[in-house]
Protein backbone atom coordinates (compact mmCIF):
# COMPACT_ATOMS: atom_id res chain seq x y z
CA UNK A 1 95.65 109.96 71.89
CA UNK A 2 97.19 108.93 75.17
CA UNK A 3 97.49 105.33 76.34
CA UNK A 4 96.01 105.77 79.74
CA UNK A 5 98.77 103.76 81.22
CA UNK A 6 99.93 104.43 84.65
CA UNK A 7 103.05 106.50 84.27
CA UNK A 8 103.45 105.48 80.76
CA UNK A 9 106.45 106.70 79.23
CA UNK A 10 108.75 105.30 81.87
CA UNK A 11 111.08 108.21 82.30
CA UNK A 12 110.62 108.25 86.03
CA UNK A 13 110.07 112.00 85.91
CA UNK A 14 109.30 112.26 89.43
CA UNK A 15 113.14 111.72 90.06
CA UNK A 16 114.98 108.48 91.10
CA UNK A 17 116.06 107.35 94.38
CA UNK A 18 113.95 109.58 96.40
CA UNK A 19 113.53 106.95 99.08
CA UNK A 20 117.12 107.19 100.10
CA UNK A 21 117.63 103.67 99.23
CA UNK A 22 119.97 104.65 96.25
CA UNK A 23 117.89 103.33 93.37
CA UNK A 24 119.07 100.40 91.07
CA UNK A 25 120.79 102.33 88.48
CA UNK A 26 123.46 99.50 88.32
CA UNK A 27 120.93 96.64 87.76
CA UNK A 28 121.46 96.63 83.92
CA UNK A 29 124.72 95.06 84.41
CA UNK A 30 123.86 92.46 87.10
CA UNK A 31 123.02 88.90 86.82
CA UNK A 32 119.49 87.59 87.78
CA UNK A 33 116.00 88.99 87.21
CA UNK A 34 117.36 92.41 86.74
CA UNK A 35 119.87 91.30 84.18
CA UNK A 36 117.16 89.20 82.39
CA UNK A 37 114.88 92.36 82.36
CA UNK A 38 117.43 94.79 80.63
CA UNK A 39 118.95 91.97 78.50
CA UNK A 40 115.73 92.23 76.40
CA UNK A 41 116.78 95.58 75.37
CA UNK A 42 120.21 94.52 74.18
CA UNK A 43 118.89 91.45 72.39
CA UNK A 44 116.19 92.42 69.92
CA UNK A 45 114.20 95.21 71.59
CA UNK A 46 111.45 92.84 72.73
CA UNK A 47 109.53 93.51 75.83
CA UNK A 48 110.68 91.84 79.06
CA UNK A 49 108.77 88.76 80.01
CA UNK A 50 106.04 89.08 82.80
CA UNK A 51 108.25 86.88 85.01
CA UNK A 52 111.38 89.21 84.55
CA UNK A 53 109.27 92.29 85.09
CA UNK A 54 107.49 90.85 88.08
CA UNK A 55 110.85 89.89 89.66
CA UNK A 56 112.46 93.25 88.99
CA UNK A 57 109.54 94.93 90.65
CA UNK A 58 109.92 92.73 93.70
CA UNK A 59 113.50 93.07 93.82
CA UNK A 60 113.20 96.73 93.66
CA UNK A 61 110.81 96.87 96.75
CA UNK A 62 113.14 94.24 98.57
CA UNK A 63 115.76 96.74 98.83
CA UNK A 64 116.65 98.31 102.13
CA UNK A 65 114.23 100.88 102.99
CA UNK A 66 112.11 101.00 99.78
CA UNK A 67 109.25 98.97 100.91
CA UNK A 68 108.92 101.12 104.03
CA UNK A 69 109.28 104.38 101.85
CA UNK A 70 106.30 103.04 99.70
CA UNK A 71 104.15 102.24 102.81
CA UNK A 72 104.74 105.83 104.13
CA UNK A 73 103.68 107.41 100.85
CA UNK A 74 100.60 105.19 100.40
CA UNK A 75 99.76 106.17 104.03
CA UNK A 76 100.21 109.78 103.80
CA UNK A 77 97.13 112.13 104.00
CA UNK A 78 97.46 113.37 100.50
CA UNK A 79 97.30 109.99 98.86
CA UNK A 80 94.71 108.64 101.10
CA UNK A 81 92.57 111.76 100.74
CA UNK A 82 92.56 111.52 96.95
CA UNK A 83 92.00 107.64 97.07
CA UNK A 84 88.93 108.13 99.32
CA UNK A 85 87.45 110.90 97.25
CA UNK A 86 87.33 108.36 94.24
CA UNK A 87 84.55 106.48 95.97
CA UNK A 88 82.22 109.57 96.04
CA UNK A 89 83.37 110.36 92.55
CA UNK A 90 82.62 106.83 91.23
CA UNK A 91 78.90 107.24 92.22
CA UNK A 92 78.65 110.55 90.71
CA UNK A 93 80.08 109.50 87.30
CA UNK A 94 78.77 105.95 86.81
CA UNK A 95 75.42 105.99 88.53
CA UNK A 96 74.17 109.45 87.13
CA UNK A 97 74.24 111.00 83.81
CA UNK A 98 73.78 114.60 84.86
CA UNK A 99 76.59 116.90 85.79
CA UNK A 100 74.52 118.98 88.12
CA UNK A 101 75.53 116.88 91.26
CA UNK A 102 79.26 117.17 90.19
CA UNK A 103 79.02 120.97 89.73
CA UNK A 104 77.25 121.26 93.06
CA UNK A 105 79.93 119.18 94.97
CA UNK A 106 82.99 120.32 93.22
CA UNK A 107 82.09 123.62 91.63
CA UNK A 108 83.11 122.36 88.12
CA UNK A 109 80.79 123.29 85.15
CA UNK A 110 79.84 120.71 82.55
CA UNK A 111 81.71 122.69 79.76
CA UNK A 112 84.61 121.60 77.63
CA UNK A 113 87.55 120.23 79.68
CA UNK A 114 85.28 119.61 82.63
CA UNK A 115 87.13 116.33 83.59
CA UNK A 116 90.49 117.89 83.45
CA UNK A 117 89.21 120.63 85.66
CA UNK A 118 87.59 117.99 88.05
CA UNK A 119 90.93 116.49 88.53
CA UNK A 120 92.39 119.62 89.39
CA UNK A 121 89.84 120.41 91.99
CA UNK A 122 90.15 116.95 93.61
CA UNK A 123 94.04 116.97 93.73
CA UNK A 124 93.96 120.69 95.10
CA UNK A 125 91.58 119.65 97.67
CA UNK A 126 93.84 116.92 99.22
CA UNK A 127 97.37 117.63 97.85
CA UNK A 128 98.33 120.20 100.51
CA UNK A 129 101.01 119.96 103.16
CA UNK A 130 103.14 116.88 103.55
CA UNK A 131 106.38 116.09 101.66
CA UNK A 132 106.68 116.93 97.91
CA UNK A 133 106.66 113.26 97.08
CA UNK A 134 103.37 112.71 98.74
CA UNK A 135 101.78 115.48 96.78
CA UNK A 136 103.38 114.44 93.49
CA UNK A 137 102.31 110.82 93.80
CA UNK A 138 98.68 111.75 94.89
CA UNK A 139 98.18 114.09 92.10
CA UNK A 140 99.60 111.71 89.59
CA UNK A 141 97.36 108.86 90.73
CA UNK A 142 94.25 111.16 90.27
CA UNK A 143 95.23 111.84 86.69
CA UNK A 144 96.14 108.17 85.94
CA UNK A 145 92.82 106.96 87.18
CA UNK A 146 90.60 109.57 85.62
CA UNK A 147 92.51 109.27 82.34
CA UNK A 148 91.89 105.34 82.29
CA UNK A 149 88.22 106.03 83.17
CA UNK A 150 87.89 107.43 79.73
CA UNK A 151 89.98 104.83 78.04
CA UNK A 152 93.10 106.91 77.83
CA UNK A 153 91.50 109.30 75.50
CA UNK A 154 93.36 112.68 75.94
CA UNK A 155 90.86 114.44 73.83
CA UNK A 156 87.91 113.53 76.20
CA UNK A 157 89.96 114.09 79.30
CA UNK A 158 91.31 117.51 78.24
CA UNK A 159 88.43 118.91 75.94
CA UNK A 160 85.32 116.77 76.41
CA UNK A 161 82.20 118.26 77.83
CA UNK A 162 80.04 116.45 80.31
CA UNK A 163 78.24 114.35 77.61
CA UNK A 164 81.41 113.10 76.22
CA UNK A 165 82.89 112.26 79.69
CA UNK A 166 79.74 110.33 80.66
CA UNK A 167 79.65 108.49 77.47
CA UNK A 168 83.33 107.43 77.74
CA UNK A 169 83.11 106.44 81.47
CA UNK A 170 80.15 104.33 80.63
CA UNK A 171 82.25 102.47 78.09
CA UNK A 172 85.02 101.96 80.62
CA UNK A 173 82.90 101.18 83.67
CA UNK A 174 85.59 98.61 84.82
CA UNK A 175 87.75 101.43 86.03
CA UNK A 176 85.44 102.63 88.78
CA UNK A 177 84.40 98.96 89.48
CA UNK A 178 87.97 98.26 90.36
CA UNK A 179 89.09 101.75 91.43
CA UNK A 180 91.10 100.27 94.27
CA UNK A 181 93.24 98.36 91.93
CA UNK A 182 93.69 101.23 89.38
CA UNK A 183 94.65 103.86 92.13
CA UNK A 184 97.08 101.46 94.00
CA UNK A 185 98.61 100.18 90.79
CA UNK A 186 99.33 103.81 89.83
CA UNK A 187 100.97 104.55 93.06
CA UNK A 188 103.03 101.45 92.94
CA UNK A 189 104.15 101.88 89.44
CA UNK A 190 105.14 105.72 89.88
CA UNK A 191 107.16 104.73 92.86
CA UNK A 192 108.82 102.01 91.31
CA UNK A 193 109.80 104.23 88.32
CA UNK A 194 111.43 106.51 90.79
CA UNK A 195 113.84 103.73 91.85
CA UNK A 196 114.63 102.35 88.36
CA UNK A 197 116.85 103.70 85.60
CA UNK A 198 114.95 105.36 82.76
CA UNK A 199 112.94 102.73 80.80
CA UNK A 200 111.98 102.43 77.19
CA UNK A 201 108.39 102.09 76.19
CA UNK A 202 108.15 98.32 76.29
CA UNK A 203 109.97 98.11 79.63
CA UNK A 204 107.78 100.88 81.26
CA UNK A 205 104.65 98.91 80.13
CA UNK A 206 106.09 95.77 81.50
CA UNK A 207 106.61 97.41 84.94
CA UNK A 208 103.22 98.94 84.80
CA UNK A 209 101.47 95.58 84.15
CA UNK A 210 103.56 94.11 87.10
CA UNK A 211 102.37 96.89 89.24
CA UNK A 212 98.69 96.06 88.40
CA UNK A 213 99.49 92.42 89.38
CA UNK A 214 101.18 93.41 92.68
CA UNK A 215 98.24 95.80 93.43
CA UNK A 216 95.71 93.04 92.82
CA UNK A 217 97.65 90.56 95.13
CA UNK A 218 97.76 93.13 97.78
CA UNK A 219 93.96 93.78 97.48
CA UNK A 220 93.25 90.06 97.26
CA UNK A 221 95.27 89.75 100.73
CA UNK A 222 93.49 92.73 102.20
CA UNK A 223 90.06 90.96 101.43
CA UNK A 224 91.23 87.76 102.97
CA UNK A 225 93.10 89.08 105.89
CA UNK A 226 91.41 92.18 107.06
CA UNK A 227 88.04 92.74 105.31
CA UNK A 228 86.02 90.05 107.19
CA UNK A 229 85.76 89.32 110.88
CA UNK A 230 86.31 85.79 112.03
CA UNK A 231 82.61 85.44 112.12
CA UNK A 232 82.34 86.13 108.48
CA UNK A 233 80.68 89.47 108.91
CA UNK A 234 82.20 92.18 106.68
CA UNK A 235 83.97 94.78 108.70
CA UNK A 236 85.97 96.89 106.14
CA UNK A 237 85.30 98.21 102.69
CA UNK A 238 87.67 98.79 99.85
CA UNK A 239 87.52 102.49 100.85
CA UNK A 240 89.45 101.54 103.90
CA UNK A 241 92.27 99.81 102.09
CA UNK A 242 94.82 102.65 102.42
CA UNK A 243 93.80 103.10 105.99
CA UNK A 244 94.65 99.48 106.68
CA UNK A 245 97.87 99.78 104.90
CA UNK A 246 98.64 102.67 107.15
CA UNK A 247 97.82 100.56 110.24
CA UNK A 248 99.32 97.26 109.20
CA UNK A 249 102.51 98.51 107.60
CA UNK A 250 104.48 95.30 108.09
CA UNK A 251 101.78 93.27 106.25
CA UNK A 252 101.92 95.69 103.43
CA UNK A 253 105.60 95.82 103.07
CA UNK A 254 105.80 91.98 103.23
CA UNK A 255 103.30 91.86 100.25
CA UNK A 256 105.41 94.27 98.36
CA UNK A 257 108.50 92.02 98.68
CA UNK A 258 106.60 88.76 98.27
CA UNK A 259 107.65 86.49 95.50
CA UNK A 260 104.99 85.82 92.85
CA UNK A 261 104.38 83.17 90.24
CA UNK A 262 103.56 84.39 86.72
C-alpha cells in the first residue's frame, strides 16, 4: 500500500538544482534552520520539528532565483492545464456514481485500473510541449492528487474498477473538497525536493507537511487579496488560482519566501 504522500520517498527523483540556483546540498553542515533540520538525523533519527522543516522550506525558496523558478513552473501551460482539469473531474467523481460520464469525456472504461488509466489520459492531454520540468511536475501532481483521492491505496489506484474507485473517493471526499491545496502542495513539495539533498523518510514527510502548510497560506492569501472585489463581490474562483499566480508573480514569490509561525 502506498502512503499517498506528495513525493513520498524524498529522493528528489526529478533531479536537484534544476532551477539553476545551485541547490542546498551544503545545508547539512550549516548553522540555523537547515542545520537544525539535518541535526535530527544525526541525533536519534527523530523527525525534524515542524518549525525546522517550515524554516528549511522557506530558506530554500528564499535562495536566488528559486522562488521565480517555482512561479514559472506553476504558471506553465502544462501545470495549469492539469490543475484546471481537476475541477471537472471533481464533479464527475464526487457527485456521480456512474462511470458513464467519465468514459464519455475521457474515453476510459470502468474496468480494472480505470483510475490509473484516467490519470494517464489527463496528463497526456495537457503534458505536451514546454520544458521537461513542466511536464514532469504536472504529471506528478496528477498522480499525487488522484492517489490521495483514494486514500493512498495503490491497489485501488492501479487495479480498482469504477465501483472500488467511487467507494474510496467517497471516503476521502476532503481531497476534492480542497483540491487546490492538494495540487499546489504537491507542486511545491516536488519542486522543493529538487533543491534539497536526498531526504530520509521522516525528513521527506516533514517537508511534505510544510509544503501543505505553505500551499494553504498561499490559498488563504489568494482568497483575501484576489478572490473578492472591494465591494465584497466574488470575482475569482479557486479554479483561477494558478492563473492568478501567473499574473501576480511577485505576490506569489513573496508568499513562498514569507516567514511563518508554527
